[in-house]
Amino acid sequence: MDEITWNEVICLIDRIVHEIRMALSHELHLSALALALTLPDTCGKAEYPNEDYNGVRYKNWCKDTLEDKVKRLMREDIKAANF
């Protein structure tokens, strides 16, 4: 497979995000979710182009990008629940 350029990756991510928003605007929640779940794979391929295994790229991208955000949101939820 030919190497993908950063410009192509950005265009693909923009298209995916646009289509997620379109699906949500039409209340196609499962379609939006399915598309959203492709983002870590797409972004992981861009971030870790030399990693051959998709699962490793997916996990690494989620850990590096989302882990701190998810932990912060969970802390905020706990604070809000405790008033």
N, C-alpha and C. Protein backbone atom coordinates (compact mmCIF):
# COMPACT_ATOMS: atom_id res chain seq x y z
N MET A 1 0.84 -1.18 0.00
CA MET A 1 0.00 0.00 0.00
C MET A 1 0.89 1.24 0.00
N ASP A 2 0.52 2.22 -0.79
CA ASP A 2 1.27 3.47 -0.82
C ASP A 2 1.09 4.23 0.46
N GLU A 3 2.12 4.99 0.84
CA GLU A 3 2.03 5.83 2.03
C GLU A 3 1.03 6.95 1.78
N ILE A 4 0.27 7.24 2.80
CA ILE A 4 -0.72 8.31 2.73
C ILE A 4 -0.07 9.60 3.25
N THR A 5 -0.38 10.71 2.62
CA THR A 5 0.20 11.99 3.04
C THR A 5 -0.61 12.59 4.18
N TRP A 6 0.02 13.49 4.93
CA TRP A 6 -0.70 14.16 6.02
C TRP A 6 -1.91 14.91 5.50
N ASN A 7 -1.79 15.52 4.34
CA ASN A 7 -2.92 16.25 3.76
C ASN A 7 -4.09 15.31 3.50
N GLU A 8 -3.80 14.12 2.99
CA GLU A 8 -4.85 13.14 2.73
C GLU A 8 -5.49 12.67 4.04
N VAL A 9 -4.68 12.50 5.08
CA VAL A 9 -5.21 12.10 6.39
C VAL A 9 -6.14 13.17 6.94
N ILE A 10 -5.71 14.41 6.89
CA ILE A 10 -6.53 15.52 7.39
C ILE A 10 -7.84 15.60 6.61
N CYS A 11 -7.78 15.45 5.29
CA CYS A 11 -9.00 15.49 4.47
C CYS A 11 -9.93 14.34 4.84
N LEU A 12 -9.37 13.15 5.07
CA LEU A 12 -10.19 12.00 5.45
C LEU A 12 -10.85 12.21 6.81
N ILE A 13 -10.07 12.71 7.77
CA ILE A 13 -10.63 12.97 9.10
C ILE A 13 -11.73 14.03 9.03
N ASP A 14 -11.48 15.09 8.27
CA ASP A 14 -12.50 16.13 8.09
C ASP A 14 -13.78 15.55 7.49
N ARG A 15 -13.62 14.67 6.52
CA ARG A 15 -14.80 14.06 5.88
C ARG A 15 -15.55 13.17 6.87
N ILE A 16 -14.81 12.38 7.63
CA ILE A 16 -15.45 11.52 8.62
C ILE A 16 -16.23 12.35 9.64
N VAL A 17 -15.59 13.40 10.16
CA VAL A 17 -16.26 14.26 11.15
C VAL A 17 -17.50 14.92 10.54
N HIS A 18 -17.38 15.38 9.31
CA HIS A 18 -18.53 15.99 8.63
C HIS A 18 -19.68 14.99 8.51
N GLU A 19 -19.36 13.76 8.11
CA GLU A 19 -20.40 12.75 7.95
C GLU A 19 -20.99 12.32 9.29
N ILE A 20 -20.19 12.33 10.35
CA ILE A 20 -20.73 12.06 11.69
C ILE A 20 -21.75 13.13 12.05
N ARG A 21 -21.39 14.37 11.81
CA ARG A 21 -22.32 15.48 12.11
C ARG A 21 -23.59 15.38 11.28
N MET A 22 -23.45 14.99 10.01
CA MET A 22 -24.63 14.83 9.15
C MET A 22 -25.52 13.71 9.68
N ALA A 23 -24.91 12.60 10.08
CA ALA A 23 -25.69 11.48 10.62
C ALA A 23 -26.43 11.92 11.88
N LEU A 24 -25.75 12.65 12.75
CA LEU A 24 -26.40 13.13 13.98
C LEU A 24 -27.53 14.10 13.67
N SER A 25 -27.34 14.94 12.69
CA SER A 25 -28.40 15.90 12.35
C SER A 25 -29.64 15.21 11.81
N HIS A 26 -29.48 14.01 11.30
CA HIS A 26 -30.62 13.22 10.81
C HIS A 26 -31.03 12.14 11.83
N GLU A 27 -30.51 12.27 13.04
CA GLU A 27 -30.80 11.35 14.14
C GLU A 27 -30.46 9.90 13.81
N LEU A 28 -29.37 9.72 13.05
CA LEU A 28 -28.87 8.39 12.72
C LEU A 28 -27.73 8.07 13.69
N HIS A 29 -28.11 7.82 14.93
CA HIS A 29 -27.13 7.70 16.01
C HIS A 29 -26.21 6.49 15.86
N LEU A 30 -26.73 5.37 15.43
CA LEU A 30 -25.88 4.19 15.25
C LEU A 30 -24.87 4.40 14.12
N SER A 31 -25.30 5.06 13.05
CA SER A 31 -24.39 5.36 11.95
C SER A 31 -23.29 6.32 12.41
N ALA A 32 -23.68 7.31 13.20
CA ALA A 32 -22.70 8.27 13.71
C ALA A 32 -21.70 7.56 14.63
N LEU A 33 -22.20 6.68 15.47
CA LEU A 33 -21.32 5.93 16.37
C LEU A 33 -20.35 5.05 15.58
N ALA A 34 -20.87 4.34 14.60
CA ALA A 34 -20.02 3.47 13.79
C ALA A 34 -18.90 4.27 13.11
N LEU A 35 -19.26 5.42 12.57
CA LEU A 35 -18.24 6.28 11.95
C LEU A 35 -17.25 6.81 12.98
N ALA A 36 -17.76 7.21 14.14
CA ALA A 36 -16.88 7.74 15.18
C ALA A 36 -15.85 6.70 15.62
N LEU A 37 -16.23 5.45 15.60
CA LEU A 37 -15.31 4.39 16.01
C LEU A 37 -14.22 4.13 14.98
N THR A 38 -14.34 4.70 13.78
CA THR A 38 -13.26 4.58 12.80
C THR A 38 -12.17 5.62 13.01
N LEU A 39 -12.48 6.68 13.76
CA LEU A 39 -11.50 7.75 13.95
C LEU A 39 -10.20 7.29 14.62
N PRO A 40 -10.25 6.51 15.71
CA PRO A 40 -8.98 6.07 16.29
C PRO A 40 -8.12 5.27 15.32
N ASP A 41 -8.75 4.46 14.48
CA ASP A 41 -7.99 3.68 13.50
C ASP A 41 -7.34 4.60 12.47
N THR A 42 -8.11 5.56 11.97
CA THR A 42 -7.60 6.50 10.98
C THR A 42 -6.50 7.36 11.57
N CYS A 43 -6.75 7.92 12.74
CA CYS A 43 -5.75 8.78 13.39
C CYS A 43 -4.53 7.96 13.83
N GLY A 44 -4.77 6.72 14.29
CA GLY A 44 -3.67 5.86 14.69
C GLY A 44 -2.76 5.53 13.53
N LYS A 45 -3.32 5.32 12.35
CA LYS A 45 -2.52 5.05 11.16
C LYS A 45 -1.63 6.25 10.84
N ALA A 46 -2.16 7.44 11.02
CA ALA A 46 -1.37 8.65 10.77
C ALA A 46 -0.31 8.84 11.83
N GLU A 47 -0.65 8.57 13.09
CA GLU A 47 0.26 8.81 14.21
C GLU A 47 1.35 7.74 14.31
N TYR A 48 1.01 6.51 13.96
CA TYR A 48 1.95 5.39 14.07
C TYR A 48 2.03 4.64 12.74
N PRO A 49 2.57 5.29 11.70
CA PRO A 49 2.56 4.69 10.36
C PRO A 49 3.41 3.42 10.24
N ASN A 50 4.38 3.24 11.11
CA ASN A 50 5.25 2.07 11.01
C ASN A 50 4.76 0.87 11.81
N GLU A 51 3.68 1.04 12.55
CA GLU A 51 3.11 -0.07 13.31
C GLU A 51 2.23 -0.89 12.38
N ASP A 52 2.52 -2.18 12.27
CA ASP A 52 1.80 -3.03 11.32
C ASP A 52 0.44 -3.49 11.84
N TYR A 53 0.29 -3.62 13.13
CA TYR A 53 -0.93 -4.19 13.70
C TYR A 53 -1.92 -3.09 14.04
N ASN A 54 -3.12 -3.16 13.44
CA ASN A 54 -4.15 -2.13 13.66
C ASN A 54 -4.53 -1.99 15.12
N GLY A 55 -4.64 -3.12 15.83
CA GLY A 55 -5.05 -3.09 17.23
C GLY A 55 -4.09 -2.29 18.09
N VAL A 56 -2.80 -2.43 17.82
CA VAL A 56 -1.79 -1.68 18.59
C VAL A 56 -1.91 -0.19 18.29
N ARG A 57 -2.07 0.15 17.00
CA ARG A 57 -2.24 1.57 16.63
C ARG A 57 -3.46 2.15 17.31
N TYR A 58 -4.58 1.43 17.27
CA TYR A 58 -5.85 1.88 17.85
C TYR A 58 -5.68 2.12 19.35
N LYS A 59 -5.13 1.13 20.05
CA LYS A 59 -4.95 1.25 21.50
C LYS A 59 -3.99 2.38 21.86
N ASN A 60 -2.88 2.49 21.14
CA ASN A 60 -1.91 3.54 21.44
C ASN A 60 -2.51 4.93 21.22
N TRP A 61 -3.25 5.09 20.12
CA TRP A 61 -3.84 6.40 19.85
C TRP A 61 -4.87 6.75 20.93
N CYS A 62 -5.72 5.79 21.29
CA CYS A 62 -6.72 6.05 22.33
C CYS A 62 -6.04 6.39 23.65
N LYS A 63 -5.03 5.63 24.02
CA LYS A 63 -4.33 5.88 25.28
C LYS A 63 -3.67 7.25 25.28
N ASP A 64 -2.95 7.55 24.21
CA ASP A 64 -2.21 8.82 24.14
C ASP A 64 -3.13 10.02 23.99
N THR A 65 -4.26 9.84 23.36
CA THR A 65 -5.13 10.97 23.03
C THR A 65 -6.32 11.11 23.97
N LEU A 66 -6.91 10.00 24.35
CA LEU A 66 -8.18 10.05 25.07
C LEU A 66 -8.10 9.76 26.56
N GLU A 67 -7.10 9.02 27.00
CA GLU A 67 -7.07 8.54 28.37
C GLU A 67 -7.22 9.67 29.40
N ASP A 68 -6.43 10.72 29.28
CA ASP A 68 -6.51 11.82 30.24
C ASP A 68 -7.86 12.54 30.18
N LYS A 69 -8.41 12.68 28.97
CA LYS A 69 -9.70 13.35 28.81
C LYS A 69 -10.82 12.54 29.47
N VAL A 70 -10.78 11.24 29.27
CA VAL A 70 -11.81 10.37 29.86
C VAL A 70 -11.71 10.41 31.39
N LYS A 71 -10.50 10.34 31.92
CA LYS A 71 -10.32 10.40 33.38
C LYS A 71 -10.84 11.72 33.93
N ARG A 72 -10.56 12.83 33.24
CA ARG A 72 -11.04 14.14 33.68
C ARG A 72 -12.55 14.20 33.67
N LEU A 73 -13.18 13.69 32.60
CA LEU A 73 -14.64 13.68 32.52
C LEU A 73 -15.25 12.83 33.62
N MET A 74 -14.61 11.71 33.94
CA MET A 74 -15.13 10.85 35.01
C MET A 74 -15.04 11.56 36.35
N ARG A 75 -13.95 12.28 36.61
CA ARG A 75 -13.81 13.04 37.86
C ARG A 75 -14.89 14.11 37.94
N GLU A 76 -15.14 14.80 36.82
CA GLU A 76 -16.17 15.84 36.80
C GLU A 76 -17.56 15.25 37.05
N ASP A 77 -17.82 14.08 36.49
CA ASP A 77 -19.11 13.41 36.71
C ASP A 77 -19.29 13.03 38.18
N ILE A 78 -18.22 12.54 38.79
CA ILE A 78 -18.29 12.14 40.19
C ILE A 78 -18.53 13.36 41.07
N LYS A 79 -17.83 14.45 40.78
CA LYS A 79 -18.05 15.70 41.54
C LYS A 79 -19.48 16.19 41.39
N ALA A 80 -20.00 16.15 40.17
CA ALA A 80 -21.36 16.61 39.93
C ALA A 80 -22.38 15.72 40.64
N ALA A 81 -22.12 14.43 40.69
CA ALA A 81 -23.05 13.50 41.35
C ALA A 81 -23.05 13.69 42.87
N ASN A 82 -21.92 14.12 43.41
CA ASN A 82 -21.81 14.33 44.85
C ASN A 82 -22.25 15.72 45.27
N PHE A 83 -22.51 16.59 44.33
CA PHE A 83 -22.90 17.98 44.58
C PHE A 83 -21.85 18.62 45.38
